[in-house]
Amino acid sequence: MALCFLFGLLPFVMFRSLNGIIGEVRWSILLVLTVCLGLPLLPAANQIYPDLITGFLVFWAASVLLQSGHQIGKTAGVWQTCLIGAIIVILPWLHLKNVAPMLVLLAWSSFIQAKSHSLRHLLVLCLIAVISLALLATYNSHAFGSVWGPYSGGSALSHRPVDFHIKLTAIF
């Protein structure tokens, strides 16, 4: 459900980001239609491909951080920092291989916050990351028997597949 919601937001956020980069509405619409109606997005719209959402979120976060990096004198509001932090920490929830892009984006955002001398925003960003990673580790430990999820040798899927489905239905 969340992936469908993010796919639905893709054209709107992509248009806004491209319009901010390019500055011309006609070209932004053309690029959005090309990306959203072309391969691999349209054929993969009914599949669960977290890589497409990951690319979209990384693109959006990088464009926001790039724009805020040029405006060092102006500090963003706490809510904008929370939104950027929440978007960045969603990445490992899509797939654990997205921890690396998350760390790069968090380091970049932390650098921008430290350069603008906004200690409060930096603490909010770190708190969001710590809470999200702790919740992800708790979920993986409960559902799969390991904080690394189903990708470790001692996961719950390899030992007790029935127990995994019971845990999954209990969560929802």
C-alpha atoms as a PDB file:
ATOM      1  CA  MET A   1       0.000   0.000   0.000  1.00  0.00           C
ATOM      2  CA  ALA A   2       2.797   2.409   0.871  1.00  0.00           C
ATOM      3  CA  LEU A   3       4.629   1.585  -2.364  1.00  0.00           C
ATOM      4  CA  CYS A   4       1.465   2.347  -4.360  1.00  0.00           C
ATOM      5  CA  PHE A   5       1.159   5.667  -2.544  1.00  0.00           C
ATOM      6  CA  LEU A   6       4.790   6.531  -3.314  1.00  0.00           C
ATOM      7  CA  PHE A   7       4.343   5.527  -6.968  1.00  0.00           C
ATOM      8  CA  GLY A   8       1.298   7.812  -7.116  1.00  0.00           C
ATOM      9  CA  LEU A   9       3.329  10.726  -5.782  1.00  0.00           C
ATOM     10  CA  LEU A  10       6.156  10.130  -8.238  1.00  0.00           C
ATOM     11  CA  PRO A  11       4.910  12.300 -11.137  1.00  0.00           C
ATOM     12  CA  PHE A  12       4.053  15.257  -8.903  1.00  0.00           C
ATOM     13  CA  VAL A  13       7.276  15.307  -6.922  1.00  0.00           C
ATOM     14  CA  MET A  14       9.332  14.649 -10.036  1.00  0.00           C
ATOM     15  CA  PHE A  15       7.627  17.565 -11.822  1.00  0.00           C
ATOM     16  CA  ARG A  16       8.295  19.894  -8.919  1.00  0.00           C
ATOM     17  CA  SER A  17      11.936  18.812  -8.674  1.00  0.00           C
ATOM     18  CA  LEU A  18      12.546  19.011 -12.421  1.00  0.00           C
ATOM     19  CA  ASN A  19      10.795  22.362 -12.692  1.00  0.00           C
ATOM     20  CA  GLY A  20      13.092  23.658  -9.950  1.00  0.00           C
ATOM     21  CA  ILE A  21      16.160  22.345 -11.773  1.00  0.00           C
ATOM     22  CA  ILE A  22      15.203  23.129 -15.377  1.00  0.00           C
ATOM     23  CA  GLY A  23      12.956  26.117 -14.779  1.00  0.00           C
ATOM     24  CA  GLU A  24      10.690  25.533 -17.771  1.00  0.00           C
ATOM     25  CA  VAL A  25       7.258  23.930 -17.371  1.00  0.00           C
ATOM     26  CA  ARG A  26       7.039  22.451 -20.879  1.00  0.00           C
ATOM     27  CA  TRP A  27      10.311  20.518 -20.626  1.00  0.00           C
ATOM     28  CA  SER A  28       9.524  19.398 -17.095  1.00  0.00           C
ATOM     29  CA  ILE A  29       6.178  17.923 -18.215  1.00  0.00           C
ATOM     30  CA  LEU A  30       7.850  16.193 -21.158  1.00  0.00           C
ATOM     31  CA  LEU A  31      10.511  14.637 -18.930  1.00  0.00           C
ATOM     32  CA  VAL A  32       7.969  13.551 -16.308  1.00  0.00           C
ATOM     33  CA  LEU A  33       5.810  11.878 -18.959  1.00  0.00           C
ATOM     34  CA  THR A  34       8.852  10.175 -20.475  1.00  0.00           C
ATOM     35  CA  VAL A  35       9.982   8.785 -17.143  1.00  0.00           C
ATOM     36  CA  CYS A  36       6.571   7.887 -15.734  1.00  0.00           C
ATOM     37  CA  LEU A  37       5.166   6.302 -18.894  1.00  0.00           C
ATOM     38  CA  GLY A  38       8.354   4.637 -20.086  1.00  0.00           C
ATOM     39  CA  LEU A  39      10.388   1.634 -19.124  1.00  0.00           C
ATOM     40  CA  PRO A  40      10.843   0.359 -16.430  1.00  0.00           C
ATOM     41  CA  LEU A  41       8.293   2.337 -14.407  1.00  0.00           C
ATOM     42  CA  LEU A  42       5.036   1.583 -16.214  1.00  0.00           C
ATOM     43  CA  PRO A  43       5.547  -2.193 -16.649  1.00  0.00           C
ATOM     44  CA  ALA A  44       6.842  -2.464 -13.079  1.00  0.00           C
ATOM     45  CA  ALA A  45       3.976  -0.489 -11.561  1.00  0.00           C
ATOM     46  CA  ASN A  46       2.151  -3.667 -10.526  1.00  0.00           C
ATOM     47  CA  GLN A  47       5.260  -5.324  -9.116  1.00  0.00           C
ATOM     48  CA  ILE A  48       7.105  -4.714  -5.900  1.00  0.00           C
ATOM     49  CA  TYR A  49      10.377  -3.179  -7.000  1.00  0.00           C
ATOM     50  CA  PRO A  50      11.866  -1.192  -4.142  1.00  0.00           C
ATOM     51  CA  ASP A  51      14.745  -0.089  -6.384  1.00  0.00           C
ATOM     52  CA  LEU A  52      12.477   2.259  -8.343  1.00  0.00           C
ATOM     53  CA  ILE A  53      11.157   3.868  -5.184  1.00  0.00           C
ATOM     54  CA  THR A  54      14.679   4.003  -3.761  1.00  0.00           C
ATOM     55  CA  GLY A  55      15.950   5.827  -6.835  1.00  0.00           C
ATOM     56  CA  PHE A  56      13.056   8.255  -6.659  1.00  0.00           C
ATOM     57  CA  LEU A  57      13.580   8.962  -2.948  1.00  0.00           C
ATOM     58  CA  VAL A  58      17.354   9.353  -3.337  1.00  0.00           C
ATOM     59  CA  PHE A  59      16.825  11.712  -6.301  1.00  0.00           C
ATOM     60  CA  TRP A  60      14.326  13.793  -4.335  1.00  0.00           C
ATOM     61  CA  ALA A  61      16.437  13.924  -1.170  1.00  0.00           C
ATOM     62  CA  ALA A  62      19.582  14.786  -3.135  1.00  0.00           C
ATOM     63  CA  SER A  63      17.813  17.595  -5.007  1.00  0.00           C
ATOM     64  CA  VAL A  64      16.443  19.034  -1.742  1.00  0.00           C
ATOM     65  CA  LEU A  65      19.852  18.771  -0.071  1.00  0.00           C
ATOM     66  CA  LEU A  66      21.555  20.318  -3.087  1.00  0.00           C
ATOM     67  CA  GLN A  67      19.170  23.273  -3.016  1.00  0.00           C
ATOM     68  CA  SER A  68      19.510  23.704   0.745  1.00  0.00           C
ATOM     69  CA  GLY A  69      23.297  23.395   0.471  1.00  0.00           C
ATOM     70  CA  HIS A  70      23.369  26.530  -1.671  1.00  0.00           C
ATOM     71  CA  GLN A  71      21.284  28.426   0.883  1.00  0.00           C
ATOM     72  CA  ILE A  72      23.508  27.911   3.910  1.00  0.00           C
ATOM     73  CA  GLY A  73      22.610  31.272   5.463  1.00  0.00           C
ATOM     74  CA  LYS A  74      18.923  30.330   5.546  1.00  0.00           C
ATOM     75  CA  THR A  75      18.089  27.509   7.890  1.00  0.00           C
ATOM     76  CA  ALA A  76      15.207  25.217   7.081  1.00  0.00           C
ATOM     77  CA  GLY A  77      12.386  24.768   9.522  1.00  0.00           C
ATOM     78  CA  VAL A  78      12.311  21.863  11.927  1.00  0.00           C
ATOM     79  CA  TRP A  79       9.420  20.308   9.995  1.00  0.00           C
ATOM     80  CA  GLN A  80      11.414  20.368   6.755  1.00  0.00           C
ATOM     81  CA  THR A  81      14.328  18.733   8.566  1.00  0.00           C
ATOM     82  CA  CYS A  82      11.944  16.087   9.944  1.00  0.00           C
ATOM     83  CA  LEU A  83      10.523  15.455   6.465  1.00  0.00           C
ATOM     84  CA  ILE A  84      13.939  15.085   4.866  1.00  0.00           C
ATOM     85  CA  GLY A  85      15.071  12.849   7.721  1.00  0.00           C
ATOM     86  CA  ALA A  86      11.946  10.691   7.435  1.00  0.00           C
ATOM     87  CA  ILE A  87      12.395  10.310   3.668  1.00  0.00           C
ATOM     88  CA  ILE A  88      16.040   9.353   4.117  1.00  0.00           C
ATOM     89  CA  VAL A  89      15.429   6.783   6.868  1.00  0.00           C
ATOM     90  CA  ILE A  90      12.675   5.063   4.848  1.00  0.00           C
ATOM     91  CA  LEU A  91      15.358   3.655   2.551  1.00  0.00           C
ATOM     92  CA  PRO A  92      16.461   0.695   4.733  1.00  0.00           C
ATOM     93  CA  TRP A  93      12.811  -0.223   5.314  1.00  0.00           C
ATOM     94  CA  LEU A  94      12.468  -0.812   1.556  1.00  0.00           C
ATOM     95  CA  HIS A  95      15.546  -3.083   1.448  1.00  0.00           C
ATOM     96  CA  LEU A  96      18.551  -3.479   3.719  1.00  0.00           C
ATOM     97  CA  LYS A  97      20.941  -2.802   0.839  1.00  0.00           C
ATOM     98  CA  ASN A  98      19.729   0.801   1.001  1.00  0.00           C
ATOM     99  CA  VAL A  99      21.613   1.417   4.246  1.00  0.00           C
ATOM    100  CA  ALA A 100      24.577   2.771   2.265  1.00  0.00           C
ATOM    101  CA  PRO A 101      22.599   5.475   0.399  1.00  0.00           C
ATOM    102  CA  MET A 102      20.874   6.333   3.661  1.00  0.00           C
ATOM    103  CA  LEU A 103      24.202   6.858   5.405  1.00  0.00           C
ATOM    104  CA  VAL A 104      25.522   9.016   2.548  1.00  0.00           C
ATOM    105  CA  LEU A 105      22.399  11.198   2.544  1.00  0.00           C
ATOM    106  CA  LEU A 106      22.414  11.455   6.346  1.00  0.00           C
ATOM    107  CA  ALA A 107      26.075  12.467   6.331  1.00  0.00           C
ATOM    108  CA  TRP A 108      25.377  15.051   3.628  1.00  0.00           C
ATOM    109  CA  SER A 109      22.388  16.437   5.513  1.00  0.00           C
ATOM    110  CA  SER A 110      24.327  16.460   8.786  1.00  0.00           C
ATOM    111  CA  PHE A 111      27.160  18.339   7.088  1.00  0.00           C
ATOM    112  CA  ILE A 112      24.705  20.973   5.815  1.00  0.00           C
ATOM    113  CA  GLN A 113      23.142  21.320   9.279  1.00  0.00           C
ATOM    114  CA  ALA A 114      26.548  21.576  10.968  1.00  0.00           C
ATOM    115  CA  LYS A 115      27.758  24.141   8.424  1.00  0.00           C
ATOM    116  CA  SER A 116      24.709  26.316   9.093  1.00  0.00           C
ATOM    117  CA  HIS A 117      25.343  25.993  12.870  1.00  0.00           C
ATOM    118  CA  SER A 118      21.927  24.450  13.470  1.00  0.00           C
ATOM    119  CA  LEU A 119      22.599  22.063  16.344  1.00  0.00           C
ATOM    120  CA  ARG A 120      18.893  21.559  17.058  1.00  0.00           C
ATOM    121  CA  HIS A 121      18.195  20.448  13.502  1.00  0.00           C
ATOM    122  CA  LEU A 122      21.206  18.140  13.588  1.00  0.00           C
ATOM    123  CA  LEU A 123      19.932  16.520  16.797  1.00  0.00           C
ATOM    124  CA  VAL A 124      16.439  16.086  15.289  1.00  0.00           C
ATOM    125  CA  LEU A 125      17.943  14.427  12.226  1.00  0.00           C
ATOM    126  CA  CYS A 126      20.073  12.061  14.328  1.00  0.00           C
ATOM    127  CA  LEU A 127      17.124  11.233  16.603  1.00  0.00           C
ATOM    128  CA  ILE A 128      14.929  10.319  13.621  1.00  0.00           C
ATOM    129  CA  ALA A 129      17.678   8.072  12.231  1.00  0.00           C
ATOM    130  CA  VAL A 130      18.324   6.321  15.547  1.00  0.00           C
ATOM    131  CA  ILE A 131      14.610   5.713  16.213  1.00  0.00           C
ATOM    132  CA  SER A 132      14.001   4.380  12.705  1.00  0.00           C
ATOM    133  CA  LEU A 133      17.002   2.055  12.762  1.00  0.00           C
ATOM    134  CA  ALA A 134      16.075   0.799  16.233  1.00  0.00           C
ATOM    135  CA  LEU A 135      12.525   0.067  15.079  1.00  0.00           C
ATOM    136  CA  LEU A 136      13.827  -1.686  11.961  1.00  0.00           C
ATOM    137  CA  ALA A 137      16.200  -3.827  14.014  1.00  0.00           C
ATOM    138  CA  THR A 138      13.384  -4.678  16.440  1.00  0.00           C
ATOM    139  CA  TYR A 139      11.045  -5.625  13.602  1.00  0.00           C
ATOM    140  CA  ASN A 140      13.681  -7.760  11.881  1.00  0.00           C
ATOM    141  CA  SER A 141      14.617  -9.434  15.152  1.00  0.00           C
ATOM    142  CA  HIS A 142      10.994 -10.247  15.924  1.00  0.00           C
ATOM    143  CA  ALA A 143       9.978 -11.329  12.416  1.00  0.00           C
ATOM    144  CA  PHE A 144      13.153 -13.027  11.200  1.00  0.00           C
ATOM    145  CA  GLY A 145      15.175 -13.845  14.309  1.00  0.00           C
ATOM    146  CA  SER A 146      18.013 -11.521  13.302  1.00  0.00           C
ATOM    147  CA  VAL A 147      18.438  -7.758  13.174  1.00  0.00           C
ATOM    148  CA  TRP A 148      19.694  -8.172   9.588  1.00  0.00           C
ATOM    149  CA  GLY A 149      16.333  -9.527   8.446  1.00  0.00           C
ATOM    150  CA  PRO A 150      15.874 -12.546   6.189  1.00  0.00           C
ATOM    151  CA  TYR A 151      19.341 -12.108   4.661  1.00  0.00           C
ATOM    152  CA  SER A 152      21.281 -13.739   7.481  1.00  0.00           C
ATOM    153  CA  GLY A 153      21.891 -17.439   7.927  1.00  0.00           C
ATOM    154  CA  GLY A 154      19.904 -17.729  11.145  1.00  0.00           C
ATOM    155  CA  SER A 155      16.658 -16.171  10.006  1.00  0.00           C
ATOM    156  CA  ALA A 156      13.261 -17.380  11.093  1.00  0.00           C
ATOM    157  CA  LEU A 157      12.383 -18.230   7.492  1.00  0.00           C
ATOM    158  CA  SER A 158      15.031 -20.925   7.303  1.00  0.00           C
ATOM    159  CA  HIS A 159      14.093 -22.529  10.645  1.00  0.00           C
ATOM    160  CA  ARG A 160      10.351 -22.138  11.167  1.00  0.00           C
ATOM    161  CA  PRO A 161       8.413 -20.895   8.140  1.00  0.00           C
ATOM    162  CA  VAL A 162       5.061 -21.379   9.909  1.00  0.00           C
ATOM    163  CA  ASP A 163       6.239 -19.278  12.843  1.00  0.00           C
ATOM    164  CA  PHE A 164       7.181 -16.469  10.454  1.00  0.00           C
ATOM    165  CA  HIS A 165       3.658 -16.268   8.991  1.00  0.00           C
ATOM    166  CA  ILE A 166       2.134 -16.241  12.473  1.00  0.00           C
ATOM    167  CA  LYS A 167       4.413 -13.365  13.459  1.00  0.00           C
ATOM    168  CA  LEU A 168       3.650 -11.494  10.258  1.00  0.00           C
ATOM    169  CA  THR A 169      -0.107 -11.741  10.725  1.00  0.00           C
ATOM    170  CA  ALA A 170       0.255 -10.721  14.379  1.00  0.00           C
ATOM    171  CA  ILE A 171       2.042  -7.532  13.315  1.00  0.00           C
ATOM    172  CA  PHE A 172      -0.730  -6.514  10.939  1.00  0.00           C
END
